[in-house]
């Protein structure tokens, strides 16, 4: 594969990650008054939010300038995916738990997109920032909210939800090269 085609494929992977993180920022906003937004998670999520909002604003701005309708459409499709996620309890009392699970899953899936980037481009600025900011937050969630790694009453694991976002992201944004 030529260098130009490799860069195009890697760009699609990066953009998928950026869009998932952007959607995850919405889930984090929904967690602001949640019982899950306490202690180390609150501190790490606040730091992550600041880093991601600042760093990704440049990419998002260029995407809006390039094709704002397409960008909004992609983000809406990712957000619509949330309603297709099955989890143990669909009641309103567990809306916070759902947002935490979606938040974690989108970040984990975004890191999977970054992992698909070829080594040469993986060490470039944005992929490095995303990995640097996301991994400590995921570790905090796993430690503070360990239930997230357990199977729910339906037998669904977080891995299943992450896989769902991986497949869905690839169906929404894919490379034609």
N, C-alpha and C. Protein backbone atom coordinates (compact mmCIF):
# COMPACT_ATOMS: atom_id res chain seq x y z
N UNK A 1 0.85 -1.18 0.00
CA UNK A 1 0.00 0.00 0.00
C UNK A 1 0.89 1.23 0.00
N UNK A 2 0.57 2.21 -0.83
CA UNK A 2 1.39 3.41 -0.92
C UNK A 2 1.24 4.25 0.36
N UNK A 3 2.21 5.12 0.56
CA UNK A 3 2.19 6.00 1.74
C UNK A 3 0.93 6.86 1.79
N UNK A 4 0.51 7.36 0.62
CA UNK A 4 -0.68 8.22 0.57
C UNK A 4 -1.93 7.45 1.00
N UNK A 5 -2.08 6.22 0.52
CA UNK A 5 -3.24 5.40 0.89
C UNK A 5 -3.18 5.03 2.37
N UNK A 6 -1.98 4.76 2.87
CA UNK A 6 -1.80 4.44 4.27
C UNK A 6 -2.24 5.61 5.14
N UNK A 7 -1.87 6.81 4.76
CA UNK A 7 -2.26 8.01 5.50
C UNK A 7 -3.78 8.18 5.47
N UNK A 8 -4.41 7.91 4.33
CA UNK A 8 -5.87 8.03 4.25
C UNK A 8 -6.56 7.04 5.19
N UNK A 9 -6.10 5.80 5.21
CA UNK A 9 -6.68 4.80 6.10
C UNK A 9 -6.47 5.21 7.56
N UNK A 10 -5.28 5.67 7.89
CA UNK A 10 -4.98 6.10 9.25
C UNK A 10 -5.81 7.32 9.64
N UNK A 11 -6.05 8.21 8.69
CA UNK A 11 -6.88 9.39 8.95
C UNK A 11 -8.30 8.98 9.29
N UNK A 12 -8.84 8.01 8.59
CA UNK A 12 -10.19 7.53 8.89
C UNK A 12 -10.23 6.94 10.30
N UNK A 13 -9.21 6.17 10.67
CA UNK A 13 -9.14 5.60 12.02
C UNK A 13 -9.11 6.72 13.07
N UNK A 14 -8.29 7.74 12.83
CA UNK A 14 -8.21 8.86 13.76
C UNK A 14 -9.54 9.59 13.85
N UNK A 15 -10.18 9.83 12.72
CA UNK A 15 -11.46 10.55 12.74
C UNK A 15 -12.54 9.74 13.44
N UNK A 16 -12.54 8.43 13.28
CA UNK A 16 -13.50 7.59 14.02
C UNK A 16 -13.28 7.76 15.51
N UNK A 17 -12.02 7.73 15.93
CA UNK A 17 -11.70 7.89 17.35
C UNK A 17 -12.15 9.25 17.85
N UNK A 18 -11.90 10.27 17.08
CA UNK A 18 -12.29 11.64 17.47
C UNK A 18 -13.80 11.75 17.63
N UNK A 19 -14.54 11.16 16.71
CA UNK A 19 -16.00 11.24 16.77
C UNK A 19 -16.54 10.46 17.97
N UNK A 20 -15.95 9.33 18.28
CA UNK A 20 -16.38 8.56 19.46
C UNK A 20 -16.07 9.33 20.74
N UNK A 21 -14.92 9.95 20.78
CA UNK A 21 -14.56 10.74 21.97
C UNK A 21 -15.50 11.94 22.10
N UNK A 22 -15.82 12.57 20.99
CA UNK A 22 -16.77 13.69 21.03
C UNK A 22 -18.11 13.23 21.59
N UNK A 23 -18.57 12.08 21.16
CA UNK A 23 -19.82 11.53 21.68
C UNK A 23 -19.67 11.17 23.16
N UNK A 24 -18.52 10.63 23.54
CA UNK A 24 -18.26 10.29 24.95
C UNK A 24 -18.29 11.54 25.83
N UNK A 25 -17.86 12.66 25.29
CA UNK A 25 -17.94 13.91 26.06
C UNK A 25 -19.38 14.23 26.44
N UNK A 26 -20.33 13.91 25.57
CA UNK A 26 -21.75 14.10 25.90
C UNK A 26 -22.18 13.20 27.05
N UNK A 27 -21.71 11.94 27.01
CA UNK A 27 -22.03 11.03 28.11
C UNK A 27 -21.44 11.53 29.42
N UNK A 28 -20.24 12.08 29.35
CA UNK A 28 -19.61 12.61 30.56
C UNK A 28 -20.42 13.79 31.10
N UNK A 29 -20.90 14.65 30.22
CA UNK A 29 -21.76 15.75 30.66
C UNK A 29 -22.98 15.22 31.41
N UNK A 30 -23.55 14.13 30.92
CA UNK A 30 -24.72 13.53 31.57
C UNK A 30 -24.38 12.92 32.93
N UNK A 31 -23.11 12.69 33.18
CA UNK A 31 -22.67 12.12 34.46
C UNK A 31 -22.31 13.17 35.50
N UNK A 32 -22.40 14.44 35.14
CA UNK A 32 -21.90 15.50 36.02
C UNK A 32 -22.54 15.49 37.42
N UNK A 33 -23.80 15.14 37.52
CA UNK A 33 -24.48 15.10 38.82
C UNK A 33 -24.68 13.68 39.32
N UNK A 34 -24.01 12.74 38.71
CA UNK A 34 -24.19 11.33 39.01
C UNK A 34 -23.45 10.90 40.26
N UNK A 35 -23.94 9.83 40.88
CA UNK A 35 -23.24 9.23 42.02
C UNK A 35 -21.91 8.62 41.58
N UNK A 36 -21.75 8.37 40.29
CA UNK A 36 -20.51 7.79 39.78
C UNK A 36 -19.42 8.85 39.61
N UNK A 37 -19.79 10.09 39.59
CA UNK A 37 -18.85 11.19 39.37
C UNK A 37 -18.32 11.69 40.71
N UNK A 38 -17.50 10.84 41.33
CA UNK A 38 -16.94 11.17 42.63
C UNK A 38 -15.49 10.70 42.71
N UNK A 39 -14.82 11.21 43.71
CA UNK A 39 -13.47 10.78 44.05
C UNK A 39 -12.50 10.90 42.87
N UNK A 40 -11.68 9.88 42.66
CA UNK A 40 -10.65 9.94 41.62
C UNK A 40 -11.25 10.03 40.22
N UNK A 41 -12.38 9.36 40.00
CA UNK A 41 -13.01 9.45 38.68
C UNK A 41 -13.35 10.90 38.35
N UNK A 42 -13.88 11.62 39.32
CA UNK A 42 -14.26 13.02 39.08
C UNK A 42 -13.03 13.85 38.68
N UNK A 43 -11.94 13.65 39.38
CA UNK A 43 -10.70 14.39 39.10
C UNK A 43 -10.15 14.01 37.73
N UNK A 44 -10.04 12.70 37.47
CA UNK A 44 -9.48 12.24 36.20
C UNK A 44 -10.38 12.59 35.01
N UNK A 45 -11.69 12.48 35.21
CA UNK A 45 -12.63 12.81 34.13
C UNK A 45 -12.57 14.30 33.80
N UNK A 46 -12.43 15.13 34.82
CA UNK A 46 -12.32 16.57 34.61
C UNK A 46 -11.06 16.90 33.81
N UNK A 47 -9.96 16.26 34.18
CA UNK A 47 -8.69 16.47 33.48
C UNK A 47 -8.81 15.98 32.03
N UNK A 48 -9.38 14.78 31.84
CA UNK A 48 -9.57 14.21 30.51
C UNK A 48 -10.45 15.11 29.65
N UNK A 49 -11.53 15.59 30.23
CA UNK A 49 -12.46 16.49 29.53
C UNK A 49 -11.72 17.73 29.02
N UNK A 50 -10.92 18.32 29.86
CA UNK A 50 -10.17 19.51 29.46
C UNK A 50 -9.19 19.24 28.34
N UNK A 51 -8.46 18.13 28.46
CA UNK A 51 -7.48 17.77 27.43
C UNK A 51 -8.19 17.49 26.10
N UNK A 52 -9.21 16.65 26.15
CA UNK A 52 -9.90 16.26 24.91
C UNK A 52 -10.61 17.45 24.26
N UNK A 53 -11.30 18.24 25.05
CA UNK A 53 -12.02 19.39 24.48
C UNK A 53 -11.04 20.35 23.81
N UNK A 54 -9.91 20.60 24.46
CA UNK A 54 -8.92 21.53 23.91
C UNK A 54 -8.23 20.94 22.68
N UNK A 55 -7.73 19.71 22.80
CA UNK A 55 -6.95 19.11 21.72
C UNK A 55 -7.80 18.79 20.49
N UNK A 56 -9.01 18.32 20.71
CA UNK A 56 -9.83 17.89 19.58
C UNK A 56 -10.59 19.03 18.93
N UNK A 57 -10.60 20.18 19.58
CA UNK A 57 -11.33 21.32 19.00
C UNK A 57 -10.77 21.71 17.63
N UNK A 58 -9.47 21.58 17.45
CA UNK A 58 -8.86 21.91 16.16
C UNK A 58 -9.34 20.95 15.07
N UNK A 59 -9.34 19.66 15.39
CA UNK A 59 -9.80 18.67 14.41
C UNK A 59 -11.28 18.90 14.11
N UNK A 60 -12.07 19.09 15.15
CA UNK A 60 -13.51 19.29 14.96
C UNK A 60 -13.79 20.56 14.15
N UNK A 61 -13.02 21.60 14.41
CA UNK A 61 -13.21 22.85 13.67
C UNK A 61 -12.92 22.64 12.19
N UNK A 62 -11.85 21.93 11.89
CA UNK A 62 -11.52 21.68 10.47
C UNK A 62 -12.56 20.77 9.82
N UNK A 63 -13.12 19.84 10.59
CA UNK A 63 -14.17 18.97 10.05
C UNK A 63 -15.43 19.78 9.74
N UNK A 64 -15.76 20.72 10.61
CA UNK A 64 -16.93 21.58 10.38
C UNK A 64 -16.70 22.44 9.14
N UNK A 65 -15.51 22.99 9.01
CA UNK A 65 -15.20 23.82 7.84
C UNK A 65 -15.23 23.00 6.55
N UNK A 66 -14.78 21.75 6.63
CA UNK A 66 -14.74 20.88 5.45
C UNK A 66 -16.14 20.47 5.02
N UNK A 67 -16.92 19.96 5.97
CA UNK A 67 -18.27 19.51 5.64
C UNK A 67 -19.06 19.36 6.94
N UNK A 68 -19.68 20.45 7.38
CA UNK A 68 -20.37 20.44 8.66
C UNK A 68 -21.56 19.49 8.69
N UNK A 69 -22.26 19.33 7.58
CA UNK A 69 -23.41 18.44 7.53
C UNK A 69 -22.96 16.99 7.73
N UNK A 70 -21.89 16.61 7.07
CA UNK A 70 -21.37 15.25 7.21
C UNK A 70 -20.90 14.99 8.64
N UNK A 71 -20.19 15.95 9.23
CA UNK A 71 -19.69 15.77 10.59
C UNK A 71 -20.85 15.59 11.56
N UNK A 72 -21.88 16.42 11.45
CA UNK A 72 -23.04 16.31 12.34
C UNK A 72 -23.75 14.98 12.11
N UNK A 73 -23.83 14.56 10.86
CA UNK A 73 -24.48 13.29 10.53
C UNK A 73 -23.74 12.12 11.17
N UNK A 74 -22.43 12.11 11.07
CA UNK A 74 -21.63 11.04 11.66
C UNK A 74 -21.80 11.03 13.18
N UNK A 75 -21.74 12.20 13.80
CA UNK A 75 -21.89 12.28 15.25
C UNK A 75 -23.29 11.83 15.68
N UNK A 76 -24.30 12.20 14.93
CA UNK A 76 -25.67 11.76 15.23
C UNK A 76 -25.80 10.25 15.11
N UNK A 77 -25.16 9.66 14.11
CA UNK A 77 -25.23 8.20 13.95
C UNK A 77 -24.56 7.49 15.11
N UNK A 78 -23.45 8.02 15.57
CA UNK A 78 -22.78 7.42 16.73
C UNK A 78 -23.67 7.56 17.96
N UNK A 79 -24.27 8.72 18.14
CA UNK A 79 -25.16 8.92 19.30
C UNK A 79 -26.42 8.06 19.19
N UNK A 80 -26.92 7.85 17.98
CA UNK A 80 -28.09 6.98 17.79
C UNK A 80 -27.77 5.54 18.16
N UNK A 81 -26.53 5.16 18.00
CA UNK A 81 -26.10 3.81 18.35
C UNK A 81 -26.36 3.53 19.83
N UNK A 82 -26.29 4.57 20.65
CA UNK A 82 -26.50 4.40 22.08
C UNK A 82 -27.82 3.70 22.38
N UNK A 83 -28.86 4.01 21.62
CA UNK A 83 -30.17 3.41 21.88
C UNK A 83 -30.21 1.93 21.49
N UNK A 84 -29.25 1.47 20.70
CA UNK A 84 -29.18 0.07 20.31
C UNK A 84 -28.39 -0.79 21.29
N UNK A 85 -27.78 -0.14 22.26
CA UNK A 85 -26.98 -0.87 23.25
C UNK A 85 -27.92 -1.52 24.26
N UNK A 86 -27.76 -2.81 24.43
CA UNK A 86 -28.57 -3.55 25.40
C UNK A 86 -27.77 -3.69 26.68
N UNK A 87 -28.42 -3.43 27.77
CA UNK A 87 -27.81 -3.60 29.08
C UNK A 87 -28.89 -4.06 30.02
N UNK A 88 -28.51 -4.42 31.22
CA UNK A 88 -29.40 -5.15 32.11
C UNK A 88 -30.69 -4.44 32.50
N UNK A 89 -30.68 -3.15 32.62
CA UNK A 89 -31.85 -2.46 33.15
C UNK A 89 -32.08 -1.18 32.36
N UNK A 90 -33.22 -1.05 31.76
CA UNK A 90 -33.52 0.12 30.94
C UNK A 90 -34.28 1.19 31.70
N UNK A 91 -34.34 1.08 33.00
CA UNK A 91 -35.11 2.06 33.77
C UNK A 91 -34.35 3.37 33.90
N UNK A 92 -35.10 4.40 34.20
CA UNK A 92 -34.49 5.73 34.33
C UNK A 92 -33.51 5.80 35.50
N UNK A 93 -33.76 5.00 36.53
CA UNK A 93 -32.87 5.05 37.69
C UNK A 93 -31.45 4.60 37.34
N UNK A 94 -31.32 3.86 36.26
CA UNK A 94 -30.00 3.40 35.85
C UNK A 94 -29.44 4.19 34.66
N UNK A 95 -30.01 5.33 34.39
CA UNK A 95 -29.52 6.17 33.29
C UNK A 95 -28.06 6.58 33.52
N UNK A 96 -27.70 6.85 34.78
CA UNK A 96 -26.31 7.20 35.09
C UNK A 96 -25.38 6.03 34.81
N UNK A 97 -25.81 4.84 35.20
CA UNK A 97 -25.00 3.65 34.95
C UNK A 97 -24.82 3.45 33.45
N UNK A 98 -25.91 3.63 32.70
CA UNK A 98 -25.84 3.50 31.24
C UNK A 98 -24.85 4.51 30.68
N UNK A 99 -24.90 5.75 31.13
CA UNK A 99 -23.98 6.77 30.63
C UNK A 99 -22.53 6.43 30.96
N UNK A 100 -22.29 5.87 32.13
CA UNK A 100 -20.93 5.47 32.48
C UNK A 100 -20.45 4.34 31.58
N UNK A 101 -21.32 3.37 31.33
CA UNK A 101 -20.97 2.25 30.45
C UNK A 101 -20.72 2.74 29.03
N UNK A 102 -21.57 3.61 28.53
CA UNK A 102 -21.39 4.15 27.18
C UNK A 102 -20.11 4.98 27.09
N UNK A 103 -19.88 5.80 28.11
CA UNK A 103 -18.68 6.63 28.17
C UNK A 103 -17.42 5.75 28.09
N UNK A 104 -17.35 4.76 28.94
CA UNK A 104 -16.21 3.85 28.97
C UNK A 104 -16.07 3.14 27.63
N UNK A 105 -17.16 2.62 27.10
CA UNK A 105 -17.13 1.84 25.86
C UNK A 105 -16.66 2.67 24.67
N UNK A 106 -17.11 3.90 24.58
CA UNK A 106 -16.70 4.76 23.46
C UNK A 106 -15.21 5.09 23.53
N UNK A 107 -14.72 5.35 24.74
CA UNK A 107 -13.29 5.64 24.88
C UNK A 107 -12.47 4.40 24.53
N UNK A 108 -12.88 3.26 25.03
CA UNK A 108 -12.18 2.01 24.74
C UNK A 108 -12.20 1.73 23.23
N UNK A 109 -13.34 1.95 22.59
CA UNK A 109 -13.45 1.74 21.14
C UNK A 109 -12.59 2.75 20.38
N UNK A 110 -12.53 3.98 20.87
CA UNK A 110 -11.68 4.99 20.24
C UNK A 110 -10.21 4.55 20.30
N UNK A 111 -9.81 3.98 21.42
CA UNK A 111 -8.44 3.47 21.53
C UNK A 111 -8.21 2.31 20.57
N UNK A 112 -9.23 1.51 20.33
CA UNK A 112 -9.10 0.43 19.34
C UNK A 112 -8.88 1.02 17.94
N UNK A 113 -9.55 2.12 17.65
CA UNK A 113 -9.34 2.80 16.36
C UNK A 113 -7.90 3.31 16.26
N UNK A 114 -7.41 3.89 17.33
CA UNK A 114 -6.03 4.38 17.34
C UNK A 114 -5.06 3.21 17.16
N UNK A 115 -5.38 2.07 17.76
CA UNK A 115 -4.50 0.89 17.64
C UNK A 115 -4.42 0.39 16.20
N UNK A 116 -5.42 0.68 15.39
CA UNK A 116 -5.41 0.27 13.97
C UNK A 116 -4.50 1.15 13.11
N UNK A 117 -4.10 2.29 13.63
CA UNK A 117 -3.21 3.18 12.88
C UNK A 117 -1.83 2.54 12.79
N UNK A 118 -1.23 2.61 11.63
CA UNK A 118 0.09 2.02 11.42
C UNK A 118 1.12 2.72 12.30
N UNK A 119 2.14 1.98 12.70
CA UNK A 119 3.14 2.46 13.66
C UNK A 119 3.71 3.83 13.31
N UNK A 120 3.99 4.05 12.04
CA UNK A 120 4.58 5.31 11.62
C UNK A 120 3.71 6.51 12.01
N UNK A 121 2.41 6.37 11.83
CA UNK A 121 1.49 7.48 12.13
C UNK A 121 0.95 7.44 13.55
N UNK A 122 1.07 6.30 14.22
CA UNK A 122 0.53 6.16 15.57
C UNK A 122 1.24 7.08 16.56
N UNK A 123 2.49 7.39 16.28
CA UNK A 123 3.25 8.23 17.20
C UNK A 123 3.12 9.72 16.87
N UNK A 124 2.25 10.05 15.92
CA UNK A 124 2.03 11.46 15.62
C UNK A 124 1.23 12.10 16.76
N UNK A 125 1.05 13.39 16.69
CA UNK A 125 0.54 14.19 17.79
C UNK A 125 -0.81 13.72 18.34
N UNK A 126 -1.84 13.71 17.52
CA UNK A 126 -3.19 13.42 18.03
C UNK A 126 -3.35 11.99 18.56
N UNK A 127 -2.90 10.98 17.85
CA UNK A 127 -3.01 9.64 18.44
C UNK A 127 -2.30 9.52 19.79
N UNK A 128 -1.14 10.14 19.90
CA UNK A 128 -0.38 10.09 21.15
C UNK A 128 -1.14 10.77 22.28
N UNK A 129 -1.71 11.94 22.01
CA UNK A 129 -2.49 12.67 23.03
C UNK A 129 -3.69 11.86 23.46
N UNK A 130 -4.39 11.26 22.50
CA UNK A 130 -5.58 10.47 22.83
C UNK A 130 -5.21 9.30 23.74
N UNK A 131 -4.18 8.57 23.39
CA UNK A 131 -3.76 7.43 24.21
C UNK A 131 -3.32 7.91 25.58
N UNK A 132 -2.50 8.95 25.61
CA UNK A 132 -1.98 9.49 26.86
C UNK A 132 -3.12 9.91 27.81
N UNK A 133 -4.16 10.50 27.28
CA UNK A 133 -5.26 10.99 28.12
C UNK A 133 -6.26 9.90 28.49
N UNK A 134 -6.48 8.94 27.59
CA UNK A 134 -7.56 7.96 27.80
C UNK A 134 -7.18 6.80 28.70
N UNK A 135 -5.99 6.28 28.58
CA UNK A 135 -5.62 5.08 29.33
C UNK A 135 -5.73 5.28 30.85
N UNK A 136 -5.20 6.37 31.41
CA UNK A 136 -5.35 6.54 32.86
C UNK A 136 -6.82 6.66 33.31
N UNK A 137 -7.64 7.30 32.50
CA UNK A 137 -9.05 7.44 32.85
C UNK A 137 -9.74 6.07 32.83
N UNK A 138 -9.46 5.26 31.83
CA UNK A 138 -10.05 3.92 31.79
C UNK A 138 -9.63 3.10 32.99
N UNK A 139 -8.37 3.20 33.37
CA UNK A 139 -7.88 2.47 34.56
C UNK A 139 -8.60 2.93 35.82
N UNK A 140 -8.84 4.23 35.93
CA UNK A 140 -9.57 4.75 37.09
C UNK A 140 -10.99 4.21 37.12
N UNK A 141 -11.65 4.20 35.97
CA UNK A 141 -13.02 3.67 35.92
C UNK A 141 -13.02 2.20 36.32
N UNK A 142 -12.09 1.42 35.79
CA UNK A 142 -12.02 0.00 36.11
C UNK A 142 -11.78 -0.23 37.59
N UNK A 143 -10.98 0.61 38.21
CA UNK A 143 -10.67 0.45 39.63
C UNK A 143 -11.82 0.95 40.51
N UNK A 144 -12.34 2.11 40.20
CA UNK A 144 -13.37 2.72 41.05
C UNK A 144 -14.76 2.13 40.80
N UNK A 145 -15.04 1.76 39.59
CA UNK A 145 -16.35 1.22 39.21
C UNK A 145 -16.15 -0.16 38.59
N UNK A 146 -15.63 -1.09 39.38
CA UNK A 146 -15.28 -2.42 38.90
C UNK A 146 -16.43 -3.19 38.28
N UNK A 147 -17.66 -2.85 38.67
CA UNK A 147 -18.82 -3.56 38.11
C UNK A 147 -18.86 -3.47 36.59
N UNK A 148 -18.23 -2.44 36.06
CA UNK A 148 -18.28 -2.21 34.62
C UNK A 148 -17.63 -3.35 33.85
N UNK A 149 -16.74 -4.09 34.50
CA UNK A 149 -16.04 -5.18 33.83
C UNK A 149 -16.77 -6.52 33.99
N UNK A 150 -17.84 -6.54 34.76
CA UNK A 150 -18.59 -7.78 35.00
C UNK A 150 -19.70 -7.95 33.98
N UNK A 151 -20.11 -9.20 33.80
CA UNK A 151 -21.27 -9.46 32.96
C UNK A 151 -22.51 -8.92 33.66
N UNK A 152 -23.43 -8.40 32.87
CA UNK A 152 -24.69 -7.96 33.47
C UNK A 152 -25.67 -9.13 33.54
N UNK A 153 -26.88 -8.86 33.97
CA UNK A 153 -27.89 -9.92 34.14
C UNK A 153 -28.25 -10.58 32.82
N UNK A 154 -28.02 -9.90 31.71
CA UNK A 154 -28.31 -10.47 30.39
C UNK A 154 -27.13 -11.24 29.82
N UNK A 155 -26.01 -11.26 30.58
CA UNK A 155 -24.82 -11.95 30.12
C UNK A 155 -23.95 -11.11 29.20
N UNK A 156 -24.22 -9.81 29.14
CA UNK A 156 -23.47 -8.91 28.27
C UNK A 156 -22.27 -8.35 29.03
N UNK A 157 -21.12 -8.38 28.38
CA UNK A 157 -19.90 -7.83 28.95
C UNK A 157 -19.58 -6.50 28.28
N UNK A 158 -18.76 -5.71 28.93
CA UNK A 158 -18.35 -4.42 28.36
C UNK A 158 -17.64 -4.64 27.02
N UNK A 159 -16.93 -5.75 26.90
CA UNK A 159 -16.23 -6.09 25.65
C UNK A 159 -17.23 -6.17 24.49
N UNK A 160 -18.42 -6.71 24.76
CA UNK A 160 -19.45 -6.82 23.73
C UNK A 160 -19.90 -5.43 23.25
N UNK A 161 -20.01 -4.51 24.18
CA UNK A 161 -20.44 -3.15 23.83
C UNK A 161 -19.33 -2.44 23.06
N UNK A 162 -18.09 -2.62 23.49
CA UNK A 162 -16.95 -2.03 22.78
C UNK A 162 -16.89 -2.58 21.36
N UNK A 163 -17.05 -3.90 21.22
CA UNK A 163 -17.06 -4.52 19.89
C UNK A 163 -18.17 -3.94 19.02
N UNK A 164 -19.31 -3.70 19.63
CA UNK A 164 -20.45 -3.12 18.91
C UNK A 164 -20.07 -1.73 18.37
N UNK A 165 -19.44 -0.90 19.22
CA UNK A 165 -19.01 0.43 18.77
C UNK A 165 -17.92 0.33 17.71
N UNK A 166 -17.03 -0.67 17.84
CA UNK A 166 -15.99 -0.86 16.81
C UNK A 166 -16.63 -1.14 15.45
N UNK A 167 -17.54 -2.08 15.42
CA UNK A 167 -18.20 -2.46 14.16
C UNK A 167 -19.06 -1.32 13.63
N UNK A 168 -19.80 -0.69 14.52
CA UNK A 168 -20.67 0.41 14.09
C UNK A 168 -19.85 1.57 13.54
N UNK A 169 -18.75 1.90 14.21
CA UNK A 169 -17.88 2.98 13.74
C UNK A 169 -17.33 2.70 12.36
N UNK A 170 -16.96 1.45 12.13
CA UNK A 170 -16.43 1.07 10.81
C UNK A 170 -17.51 1.12 9.75
N UNK A 171 -18.75 0.86 10.12
CA UNK A 171 -19.83 0.93 9.13
C UNK A 171 -20.20 2.38 8.81
N UNK A 172 -19.95 3.29 9.76
CA UNK A 172 -20.26 4.70 9.54
C UNK A 172 -19.13 5.40 8.81
N UNK A 173 -17.90 5.17 9.24
CA UNK A 173 -16.72 5.81 8.66
C UNK A 173 -15.73 4.74 8.24
N UNK A 174 -15.54 4.59 6.95
CA UNK A 174 -14.62 3.59 6.45
C UNK A 174 -13.79 4.19 5.33
N UNK A 175 -12.66 3.56 5.08
CA UNK A 175 -11.77 4.00 4.01
C UNK A 175 -12.11 3.23 2.75
N UNK A 176 -12.06 3.90 1.63
CA UNK A 176 -12.36 3.26 0.34
C UNK A 176 -11.08 2.85 -0.39
N UNK A 177 -9.93 3.02 0.25
CA UNK A 177 -8.68 2.63 -0.40
C UNK A 177 -8.29 1.23 0.00
